[in-house]
């Protein structure tokens, strides 16, 4: 996040005062108009905090008011509200609420401008009550990111806004791509405000088209070694299915061949007779260009040392993570990754790139797709992640190695990069929000919503 903050400071130093906020407000107002469909006569409520997000919301509200919307601002800190934005709203015909819950209950759209990327911890009780009321009665749009979530890690400490959509500025914040914050962000809209950012992102999330472009395409002279052989150490007598899923992922990822090492060879061959099986140990199994180890191996930790000693990329997942200590990773990779994290999830998944391929990297995967974090081992939350550029809407997998659409290239040691651009290009913003919400903006409780902020609601496939 410091990269984004630095880019904002640099740009503000070159622009007239307030110009950057006006750019953000203009993009926010356009997105709100798209969600409303008909702006004239719509009722919009702004939840306004004391920071710049509150100013963005006020200026966006002024733009909507000039288009005929009835706009009401709920000021959580009246004495600290952005005075320029408040004056603009009043000049456009907007007003300050004298009964917040009443106005929220009548709203077609609620704009969350309570806190921004500098916020820490959950919402205060008053703000939490308003956020809960908004979720129950109207569409909710978050300004930059949902209030109450951590912009860096995606963690949620206490109550937080749950939004149907988030309009973010300049760059996708890491918290928008990582659960549990990802699920609270809804569909994403990126507004370009002119920031100059490094070409290489610290975190990238992949869509189906990105992964398809990265996968190697066989040519007439391709053989299994040119396409790559993946070694898989997975499964046990208790969990033979883990071996089957891991091998399936390798085959679906386009590997030229798969060598399986472990006690579940019979189950693997029954599903994939083309697999090359070996009883072990891994260093006797034959030539591979990458190893996957961990899913379903139980307490069998001996093979991990042999795999880590191989001079090829290694992906450690699932049960294997319990035996992969920070000290062991330092010894194997020559880098101190003990404190490096991408998210701060409950588990750690590490992709170790060797042979000059760029050090240690990491993947997060789950309900939203795959996220690539460059330059560090990182946390992996079992609940899954991947919004923003991701949004692939894939079903949850308990094993990272079991989904070949992402795993194939990751273990191949090559850099995985997402194409720049807006998530879900080609799909209308309003359509994506409607797909998540599953119906018209009112009557959330009728769609199975838990009225609590921590509740979850049925939704369509994530197409952000």
Protein backbone atom coordinates (compact mmCIF):
# COMPACT_ATOMS: atom_id res chain seq x y z
CA UNK A 1 0.00 0.00 0.00
CA UNK A 2 2.93 2.34 0.55
CA UNK A 3 3.56 2.22 -3.20
CA UNK A 4 0.05 3.54 -3.86
CA UNK A 5 0.32 6.19 -1.15
CA UNK A 6 3.63 7.37 -2.55
CA UNK A 7 2.20 7.60 -6.07
CA UNK A 8 -0.75 9.61 -4.76
CA UNK A 9 1.54 12.04 -2.95
CA UNK A 10 3.67 12.50 -6.06
CA UNK A 11 0.63 13.16 -8.23
CA UNK A 12 -0.98 15.57 -5.75
CA UNK A 13 2.24 17.58 -5.77
CA UNK A 14 1.80 18.17 -9.51
CA UNK A 15 -1.94 18.84 -9.62
CA UNK A 16 -4.04 21.76 -8.38
CA UNK A 17 -5.41 21.27 -4.89
CA UNK A 18 -8.43 18.97 -4.88
CA UNK A 19 -7.99 17.78 -8.48
CA UNK A 20 -7.19 14.20 -7.50
CA UNK A 21 -10.29 13.96 -5.32
CA UNK A 22 -12.41 15.33 -8.16
CA UNK A 23 -11.07 12.62 -10.48
CA UNK A 24 -11.96 9.93 -7.95
CA UNK A 25 -15.40 11.44 -7.31
CA UNK A 26 -16.15 11.60 -11.02
CA UNK A 27 -15.38 7.91 -11.48
CA UNK A 28 -17.37 7.02 -8.38
CA UNK A 29 -20.39 8.98 -9.59
CA UNK A 30 -20.31 7.27 -12.98
CA UNK A 31 -20.23 3.84 -11.35
CA UNK A 32 -23.09 4.75 -9.01
CA UNK A 33 -25.11 5.99 -11.96
CA UNK A 34 -24.57 2.70 -13.78
CA UNK A 35 -25.77 0.75 -10.75
CA UNK A 36 -28.84 2.92 -10.33
CA UNK A 37 -29.76 2.67 -13.99
CA UNK A 38 -31.99 5.73 -13.71
CA UNK A 39 -30.36 8.48 -11.66
CA UNK A 40 -33.19 11.02 -11.79
CA UNK A 41 -35.54 10.42 -8.87
CA UNK A 42 -33.29 7.83 -7.19
CA UNK A 43 -32.54 8.04 -3.49
CA UNK A 44 -28.88 7.93 -2.51
CA UNK A 45 -27.44 7.94 1.01
CA UNK A 46 -23.80 8.78 1.69
CA UNK A 47 -22.12 7.37 4.80
CA UNK A 48 -19.46 10.02 5.35
CA UNK A 49 -16.46 9.69 7.61
CA UNK A 50 -13.79 12.25 8.39
CA UNK A 51 -11.17 11.28 5.79
CA UNK A 52 -10.68 11.63 2.06
CA UNK A 53 -13.09 8.77 1.36
CA UNK A 54 -15.81 10.89 2.89
CA UNK A 55 -14.80 13.76 0.61
CA UNK A 56 -14.92 11.45 -2.42
CA UNK A 57 -18.42 10.38 -1.45
CA UNK A 58 -19.62 13.96 -0.93
CA UNK A 59 -18.33 15.20 -4.28
CA UNK A 60 -19.75 12.12 -6.04
CA UNK A 61 -23.06 12.76 -4.28
CA UNK A 62 -23.03 16.34 -5.57
CA UNK A 63 -22.64 15.05 -9.13
CA UNK A 64 -25.56 12.64 -8.66
CA UNK A 65 -27.70 15.38 -7.13
CA UNK A 66 -27.09 17.58 -10.17
CA UNK A 67 -28.48 14.72 -12.27
CA UNK A 68 -31.70 14.67 -10.26
CA UNK A 69 -31.00 12.14 -7.53
CA UNK A 70 -32.15 12.82 -3.98
CA UNK A 71 -28.87 12.67 -2.06
CA UNK A 72 -28.60 12.63 1.72
CA UNK A 73 -25.35 12.61 3.69
CA UNK A 74 -25.05 10.84 7.03
CA UNK A 75 -22.13 12.53 8.80
CA UNK A 76 -20.46 10.26 11.34
CA UNK A 77 -18.15 13.07 12.49
CA UNK A 78 -19.93 16.31 11.51
CA UNK A 79 -17.21 18.59 12.80
CA UNK A 80 -14.55 16.73 10.76
CA UNK A 81 -16.44 16.18 7.51
CA UNK A 82 -14.78 17.39 4.31
CA UNK A 83 -16.03 20.98 4.15
CA UNK A 84 -15.49 21.48 0.43
CA UNK A 85 -17.36 18.30 -0.42
CA UNK A 86 -20.18 19.14 1.98
CA UNK A 87 -20.56 22.60 0.48
CA UNK A 88 -20.65 21.11 -3.04
CA UNK A 89 -23.36 18.64 -2.02
CA UNK A 90 -25.55 21.33 -0.48
CA UNK A 91 -25.06 23.60 -3.49
CA UNK A 92 -26.26 20.77 -5.76
CA UNK A 93 -29.43 20.25 -3.71
CA UNK A 94 -28.27 17.54 -1.35
CA UNK A 95 -28.86 17.66 2.37
CA UNK A 96 -27.54 16.32 5.66
CA UNK A 97 -29.63 13.58 7.26
CA UNK A 98 -31.51 14.18 10.48
CA UNK A 99 -32.60 10.51 10.77
CA UNK A 100 -29.96 8.16 9.39
CA UNK A 101 -31.81 4.85 9.76
CA UNK A 102 -34.96 6.27 8.18
CA UNK A 103 -33.05 7.62 5.19
CA UNK A 104 -31.08 4.39 4.72
CA UNK A 105 -34.30 2.40 4.81
CA UNK A 106 -35.66 4.45 1.90
CA UNK A 107 -32.47 4.42 -0.16
CA UNK A 108 -31.89 2.81 -3.54
CA UNK A 109 -28.12 3.08 -3.11
CA UNK A 110 -25.85 3.60 -0.11
CA UNK A 111 -22.28 4.84 -0.62
CA UNK A 112 -19.76 3.77 2.01
CA UNK A 113 -17.27 6.57 2.60
CA UNK A 114 -16.70 5.92 6.30
CA UNK A 115 -12.95 5.15 6.34
CA UNK A 116 -10.29 4.54 3.71
CA UNK A 117 -7.03 2.67 3.23
CA UNK A 118 -5.60 4.20 6.39
CA UNK A 119 -8.29 2.72 8.61
CA UNK A 120 -7.33 0.17 11.25
CA UNK A 121 -9.59 -2.23 13.10
CA UNK A 122 -13.31 -2.77 12.77
CA UNK A 123 -16.09 -0.22 12.64
CA UNK A 124 -17.24 1.64 15.70
CA UNK A 125 -20.70 0.65 17.00
CA UNK A 126 -22.54 3.59 15.41
CA UNK A 127 -20.97 2.98 12.01
CA UNK A 128 -21.54 -0.78 12.30
CA UNK A 129 -25.25 -0.21 12.91
CA UNK A 130 -25.51 1.98 9.81
CA UNK A 131 -23.57 -0.52 7.69
CA UNK A 132 -25.87 -3.32 8.81
CA UNK A 133 -28.96 -1.27 7.98
CA UNK A 134 -27.57 -0.41 4.54
CA UNK A 135 -26.86 -4.04 3.70
CA UNK A 136 -30.39 -5.05 4.63
CA UNK A 137 -32.19 -2.42 2.57
CA UNK A 138 -30.22 -1.17 -0.45
CA UNK A 139 -27.36 -1.71 -2.81
CA UNK A 140 -24.06 -0.75 -1.18
CA UNK A 141 -21.07 0.74 -2.99
CA UNK A 142 -17.77 1.06 -1.11
CA UNK A 143 -15.38 3.93 -1.85
CA UNK A 144 -11.89 2.51 -2.55
CA UNK A 145 -12.45 -0.45 -0.21
CA UNK A 146 -15.12 -1.54 2.29
CA UNK A 147 -14.76 0.32 5.58
CA UNK A 148 -13.42 -1.84 8.38
CA UNK A 149 -11.20 -4.15 6.28
CA UNK A 150 -7.41 -4.07 6.19
CA UNK A 151 -6.21 -2.72 2.86
CA UNK A 152 -2.89 -4.59 3.04
CA UNK A 153 -3.85 -8.03 4.31
CA UNK A 154 -7.57 -8.45 3.63
CA UNK A 155 -8.15 -9.23 7.29
CA UNK A 156 -11.27 -8.08 9.09
CA UNK A 157 -10.90 -7.25 12.78
CA UNK A 158 -14.41 -6.62 14.00
CA UNK A 159 -17.39 -5.28 12.08
CA UNK A 160 -16.92 -4.17 8.48
CA UNK A 161 -19.04 -2.97 5.60
CA UNK A 162 -20.29 -5.62 3.19
CA UNK A 163 -20.67 -4.10 -0.28
CA UNK A 164 -22.26 -5.15 -3.54
CA UNK A 165 -19.52 -3.28 -5.38
CA UNK A 166 -16.32 -1.41 -4.67
CA UNK A 167 -15.02 1.47 -6.76
CA UNK A 168 -11.28 1.65 -6.18
CA UNK A 169 -8.85 4.27 -7.41
CA UNK A 170 -5.47 4.02 -9.12
CA UNK A 171 -4.71 0.38 -8.33
CA UNK A 172 -6.29 -2.66 -6.77
CA UNK A 173 -5.53 -2.81 -3.07
CA UNK A 174 -4.25 -6.19 -1.82
CA UNK A 175 -7.15 -6.46 0.62
CA UNK A 176 -9.61 -6.43 -2.29
CA UNK A 177 -8.06 -9.66 -3.60
CA UNK A 178 -7.81 -11.62 -0.36
CA UNK A 179 -10.53 -13.17 1.78
CA UNK A 180 -12.29 -12.36 4.01
CA UNK A 181 -12.19 -8.78 2.68
CA UNK A 182 -12.55 -9.94 -0.92
CA UNK A 183 -16.00 -11.32 -0.26
CA UNK A 184 -17.05 -8.04 1.34
CA UNK A 185 -15.87 -5.99 -1.64
CA UNK A 186 -18.36 -7.29 -4.21
CA UNK A 187 -17.80 -6.54 -7.88
CA UNK A 188 -14.81 -4.28 -8.55
CA UNK A 189 -14.47 -1.18 -10.69
CA UNK A 190 -11.02 0.38 -11.11
CA UNK A 191 -10.94 4.12 -11.78
CA UNK A 192 -7.78 5.45 -13.41
CA UNK A 193 -6.82 8.67 -11.63
CA UNK A 194 -3.44 9.07 -13.29
CA UNK A 195 -1.09 7.38 -10.81
CA UNK A 196 2.36 6.38 -12.00
CA UNK A 197 2.94 2.87 -10.64
CA UNK A 198 5.73 0.29 -11.06
CA UNK A 199 5.27 -1.99 -14.05
CA UNK A 200 5.69 -5.11 -11.92
CA UNK A 201 2.86 -5.46 -9.40
CA UNK A 202 3.50 -6.94 -5.99
CA UNK A 203 0.39 -9.07 -6.33
CA UNK A 204 -1.52 -10.22 -9.38
CA UNK A 205 -4.69 -12.24 -9.81
CA UNK A 206 -5.49 -14.29 -12.86
CA UNK A 207 -8.57 -14.64 -15.01
CA UNK A 208 -9.23 -17.67 -17.19
CA UNK A 209 -7.92 -15.86 -20.27
CA UNK A 210 -4.70 -14.93 -18.47
CA UNK A 211 -4.00 -18.52 -17.50
CA UNK A 212 -4.85 -19.75 -20.99
CA UNK A 213 -2.38 -17.29 -22.51
CA UNK A 214 0.36 -18.41 -20.14
CA UNK A 215 0.00 -22.13 -20.72
CA UNK A 216 2.46 -23.49 -23.30
CA UNK A 217 0.98 -24.62 -26.60
CA UNK A 218 2.33 -27.86 -28.07
CA UNK A 219 3.93 -27.74 -31.51
CA UNK A 220 4.51 -30.69 -33.88
CA UNK A 221 8.00 -31.40 -32.51
CA UNK A 222 6.91 -31.23 -28.87
CA UNK A 223 7.57 -34.29 -26.74
CA UNK A 224 6.82 -34.93 -23.09
CA UNK A 225 10.13 -33.46 -21.93
CA UNK A 226 9.77 -30.29 -23.94
CA UNK A 227 6.27 -29.86 -22.51
CA UNK A 228 7.52 -30.65 -19.00
CA UNK A 229 7.23 -33.56 -16.60
CA UNK A 230 5.60 -32.88 -13.25
CA UNK A 231 6.36 -35.09 -10.27
CA UNK A 232 3.58 -35.53 -7.71
CA UNK A 233 4.04 -36.79 -4.15
CA UNK A 234 0.56 -36.97 -2.71
CA UNK A 235 -2.04 -39.22 -1.16
CA UNK A 236 -1.95 -42.00 1.40
CA UNK A 237 -3.91 -45.09 2.31
CA UNK A 238 -6.35 -42.84 4.13
CA UNK A 239 -6.50 -40.11 1.46
CA UNK A 240 -6.03 -41.71 -1.98
CA UNK A 241 -8.34 -39.11 -3.53
CA UNK A 242 -5.81 -36.36 -2.83
CA UNK A 243 -3.34 -38.12 -5.14
CA UNK A 244 -5.98 -38.45 -7.85
CA UNK A 245 -6.84 -34.73 -7.64
CA UNK A 246 -3.20 -33.62 -7.69
CA UNK A 247 -2.41 -35.78 -10.72
CA UNK A 248 -5.57 -34.53 -12.43
CA UNK A 249 -4.43 -30.95 -11.88
CA UNK A 250 -1.01 -31.64 -13.40
CA UNK A 251 -2.51 -33.31 -16.45
CA UNK A 252 -5.10 -30.57 -16.96
CA UNK A 253 -2.37 -27.96 -16.68
CA UNK A 254 -0.76 -29.27 -19.87
CA UNK A 255 2.21 -31.22 -18.51
CA UNK A 256 3.83 -33.53 -21.00
CA UNK A 257 3.83 -36.33 -18.45
CA UNK A 258 3.17 -36.87 -14.75
CA UNK A 259 5.25 -39.05 -12.46
CA UNK A 260 3.42 -40.12 -9.34
CA UNK A 261 5.26 -41.22 -6.19
CA UNK A 262 3.24 -42.55 -3.27
CA UNK A 263 1.03 -45.31 -1.90
CA UNK A 264 -2.08 -44.42 -3.95
CA UNK A 265 -0.75 -45.64 -7.31
CA UNK A 266 -3.66 -48.03 -7.83
CA UNK A 267 -6.25 -45.28 -7.44
CA UNK A 268 -4.24 -42.93 -9.68
CA UNK A 269 -3.88 -45.50 -12.47
CA UNK A 270 -7.56 -46.37 -12.29
CA UNK A 271 -8.39 -42.76 -13.18
CA UNK A 272 -5.35 -41.81 -15.28
CA UNK A 273 -3.62 -44.86 -16.79
CA UNK A 274 -1.14 -42.61 -18.62
CA UNK A 275 0.52 -41.66 -15.31
CA UNK A 276 4.05 -42.90 -14.65
CA UNK A 277 4.03 -44.37 -11.15
CA UNK A 278 6.91 -45.20 -8.84
CA UNK A 279 6.94 -46.52 -5.26
CA UNK A 280 9.62 -44.01 -4.21
CA UNK A 281 11.68 -42.38 -2.99
CA UNK A 282 11.22 -39.28 -5.18
CA UNK A 283 14.89 -38.99 -6.17
CA UNK A 284 14.67 -42.45 -7.76
CA UNK A 285 11.44 -41.79 -9.68
CA UNK A 286 13.04 -40.34 -12.80
CA UNK A 287 13.35 -37.01 -14.55
CA UNK A 288 10.98 -34.18 -13.67
CA UNK A 289 10.98 -30.44 -14.27
CA UNK A 290 8.92 -29.60 -11.17
CA UNK A 291 7.59 -31.24 -8.02
CA UNK A 292 4.27 -30.97 -6.20
CA UNK A 293 4.18 -32.42 -2.71
CA UNK A 294 1.77 -32.42 0.20
CA UNK A 295 -1.90 -33.14 -0.56
CA UNK A 296 -3.08 -36.00 1.59
CA UNK A 297 0.35 -37.30 2.64
CA UNK A 298 -0.63 -37.34 6.31
CA UNK A 299 2.36 -37.79 8.58
CA UNK A 300 4.77 -38.96 5.87
CA UNK A 301 7.29 -36.13 5.95
CA UNK A 302 10.41 -37.95 4.75
CA UNK A 303 9.82 -37.28 1.05
CA UNK A 304 9.73 -33.52 1.62
CA UNK A 305 13.46 -33.33 2.29
CA UNK A 306 14.28 -35.16 -0.93
CA UNK A 307 11.96 -32.98 -2.97
CA UNK A 308 13.34 -29.76 -1.47
CA UNK A 309 16.84 -30.92 -2.35
CA UNK A 310 15.94 -31.21 -6.03
CA UNK A 311 17.21 -28.42 -8.29
CA UNK A 312 13.77 -27.82 -9.79
CA UNK A 313 10.79 -25.69 -8.76
CA UNK A 314 8.77 -27.12 -5.87
CA UNK A 315 5.21 -26.44 -4.78
CA UNK A 316 4.40 -27.46 -1.21
CA UNK A 317 0.72 -27.66 -0.34
CA UNK A 318 -1.80 -29.05 2.14
CA UNK A 319 -0.26 -31.57 4.59
CA UNK A 320 3.22 -30.73 3.36
CA UNK A 321 2.93 -27.24 4.81
CA UNK A 322 2.97 -28.64 8.33
CA UNK A 323 6.52 -29.85 7.80
CA UNK A 324 7.81 -26.79 5.96
CA UNK A 325 9.25 -24.61 8.71
CA UNK A 326 10.64 -21.12 8.05
CA UNK A 327 14.08 -22.40 9.02
CA UNK A 328 13.85 -25.22 6.48
CA UNK A 329 12.75 -22.80 3.79
CA UNK A 330 15.73 -20.54 4.50
CA UNK A 331 18.10 -23.49 4.22
CA UNK A 332 16.57 -24.67 0.97
CA UNK A 333 16.16 -21.33 -0.73
CA UNK A 334 18.88 -19.16 0.71
CA UNK A 335 16.38 -16.44 1.59
CA UNK A 336 14.83 -15.36 4.85
CA UNK A 337 11.10 -15.68 4.23
CA UNK A 338 9.96 -16.28 7.78
CA UNK A 339 8.24 -12.90 8.09
CA UNK A 340 7.23 -12.40 4.46
CA UNK A 341 3.50 -12.65 3.90
CA UNK A 342 0.92 -12.06 1.23
CA UNK A 343 -2.27 -11.64 3.16
CA UNK A 344 -1.68 -13.19 6.59
CA UNK A 345 -3.84 -16.26 6.22
CA UNK A 346 -3.82 -19.24 8.54
CA UNK A 347 -1.58 -21.44 6.40
CA UNK A 348 1.53 -20.86 4.33
CA UNK A 349 1.95 -22.08 0.77
CA UNK A 350 5.33 -21.58 -0.81
CA UNK A 351 6.43 -21.98 -4.38
CA UNK A 352 10.20 -22.21 -4.42
CA UNK A 353 11.78 -21.16 -7.71
CA UNK A 354 15.33 -22.39 -8.29
CA UNK A 355 17.97 -22.14 -10.99
CA UNK A 356 17.85 -18.37 -11.40
CA UNK A 357 14.09 -18.25 -11.73
CA UNK A 358 13.55 -15.47 -9.25
CA UNK A 359 13.69 -16.77 -5.66
CA UNK A 360 10.68 -17.50 -3.55
CA UNK A 361 7.15 -16.70 -4.64
CA UNK A 362 3.69 -17.67 -3.51
CA UNK A 363 0.16 -18.46 -4.59
CA UNK A 364 -3.20 -18.01 -2.95
CA UNK A 365 -6.16 -19.86 -4.36
CA UNK A 366 -9.78 -20.61 -3.50
CA UNK A 367 -13.29 -19.57 -4.41
CA UNK A 368 -12.14 -16.64 -6.54
CA UNK A 369 -9.23 -18.08 -8.49
CA UNK A 370 -5.47 -17.65 -8.06
CA UNK A 371 -3.37 -14.76 -6.82
CA UNK A 372 0.34 -14.54 -7.48
CA UNK A 373 2.54 -12.72 -4.95
CA UNK A 374 6.04 -11.87 -6.19
CA UNK A 375 9.24 -11.96 -4.22
CA UNK A 376 8.12 -13.64 -0.99
CA UNK A 377 6.57 -16.68 0.51
CA UNK A 378 3.14 -15.73 1.72
CA UNK A 379 0.08 -16.62 3.75
CA UNK A 380 -2.71 -18.76 2.35
CA UNK A 381 -6.18 -18.61 3.83
CA UNK A 382 -8.13 -21.86 3.46
CA UNK A 383 -11.27 -19.88 2.75
CA UNK A 384 -9.81 -18.88 -0.58
CA UNK A 385 -9.12 -15.60 -2.25
CA UNK A 386 -8.92 -13.92 -5.55
CA UNK A 387 -11.05 -11.00 -6.55
CA UNK A 388 -10.04 -7.97 -8.50
CA UNK A 389 -8.25 -9.13 -11.61
CA UNK A 390 -9.15 -12.65 -10.68
CA UNK A 391 -12.87 -13.24 -10.27
CA UNK A 392 -12.69 -16.53 -12.11
CA UNK A 393 -15.59 -17.85 -10.06
CA UNK A 394 -14.07 -21.29 -9.68
CA UNK A 395 -15.40 -23.75 -7.08
CA UNK A 396 -13.50 -24.08 -3.84
CA UNK A 397 -10.63 -26.57 -3.79
CA UNK A 398 -9.08 -27.76 -0.55
CA UNK A 399 -5.81 -28.55 -2.31
CA UNK A 400 -3.97 -25.88 -4.23
CA UNK A 401 -2.32 -28.66 -6.24
CA UNK A 402 -5.69 -30.08 -7.22
CA UNK A 403 -6.62 -27.29 -9.62
CA UNK A 404 -4.42 -27.57 -12.67
CA UNK A 405 -5.66 -24.37 -14.24
CA UNK A 406 -3.46 -22.38 -11.86
CA UNK A 407 -0.98 -24.94 -10.61
CA UNK A 408 0.38 -25.98 -13.99
CA UNK A 409 2.45 -22.88 -14.62
CA UNK A 410 3.22 -22.12 -11.00
CA UNK A 411 5.24 -25.28 -10.51
CA UNK A 412 6.91 -24.81 -13.88
CA UNK A 413 8.99 -22.02 -12.38
CA UNK A 414 8.04 -19.35 -14.90
CA UNK A 415 6.76 -15.95 -13.87
CA UNK A 416 2.97 -15.87 -13.72
CA UNK A 417 1.67 -12.41 -14.62
CA UNK A 418 -1.82 -11.03 -15.06
CA UNK A 419 -2.61 -8.74 -17.94
CA UNK A 420 -3.38 -5.21 -16.88
CA UNK A 421 -6.93 -3.98 -17.24
CA UNK A 422 -10.30 -3.88 -15.62
CA UNK A 423 -11.57 -7.14 -14.07
CA UNK A 424 -14.29 -8.81 -16.01
CA UNK A 425 -13.70 -6.76 -19.16
CA UNK A 426 -16.65 -7.07 -21.50
CA UNK A 427 -19.19 -7.50 -18.70
CA UNK A 428 -21.21 -4.52 -17.54
CA UNK A 429 -20.62 -3.33 -14.02
CA UNK A 430 -24.32 -3.33 -13.19
CA UNK A 431 -24.72 -6.85 -14.58
CA UNK A 432 -21.90 -8.15 -12.41
CA UNK A 433 -23.41 -6.59 -9.29
CA UNK A 434 -26.81 -8.06 -10.16
CA UNK A 435 -25.25 -11.48 -10.62
CA UNK A 436 -23.75 -11.29 -7.14
CA UNK A 437 -26.87 -9.94 -5.48
CA UNK A 438 -29.24 -12.41 -7.13
CA UNK A 439 -32.14 -10.02 -7.51
CA UNK A 440 -33.47 -6.48 -7.17
CA UNK A 441 -31.86 -4.12 -4.68
CA UNK A 442 -34.54 -4.28 -2.02
CA UNK A 443 -35.59 -7.17 0.22
CA UNK A 444 -32.18 -8.64 1.06
CA UNK A 445 -33.59 -10.67 3.93
CA UNK A 446 -35.88 -12.40 1.48
CA UNK A 447 -32.79 -13.62 -0.37
CA UNK A 448 -31.42 -15.40 2.66
CA UNK A 449 -29.19 -12.70 4.07
CA UNK A 450 -28.06 -12.85 7.65
CA UNK A 451 -28.82 -9.38 9.05
CA UNK A 452 -25.54 -9.45 10.96
CA UNK A 453 -22.47 -7.91 9.37
CA UNK A 454 -20.73 -11.25 9.56
CA UNK A 455 -23.50 -13.07 7.72
CA UNK A 456 -23.23 -14.47 4.21
CA UNK A 457 -25.80 -14.30 1.50
CA UNK A 458 -26.39 -16.52 -1.52
CA UNK A 459 -24.85 -15.02 -4.62
CA UNK A 460 -24.04 -15.87 -8.21
CA UNK A 461 -20.61 -16.68 -9.53
CA UNK A 462 -18.12 -13.92 -8.91
CA UNK A 463 -17.42 -12.19 -12.20
CA UNK A 464 -15.46 -9.16 -11.09
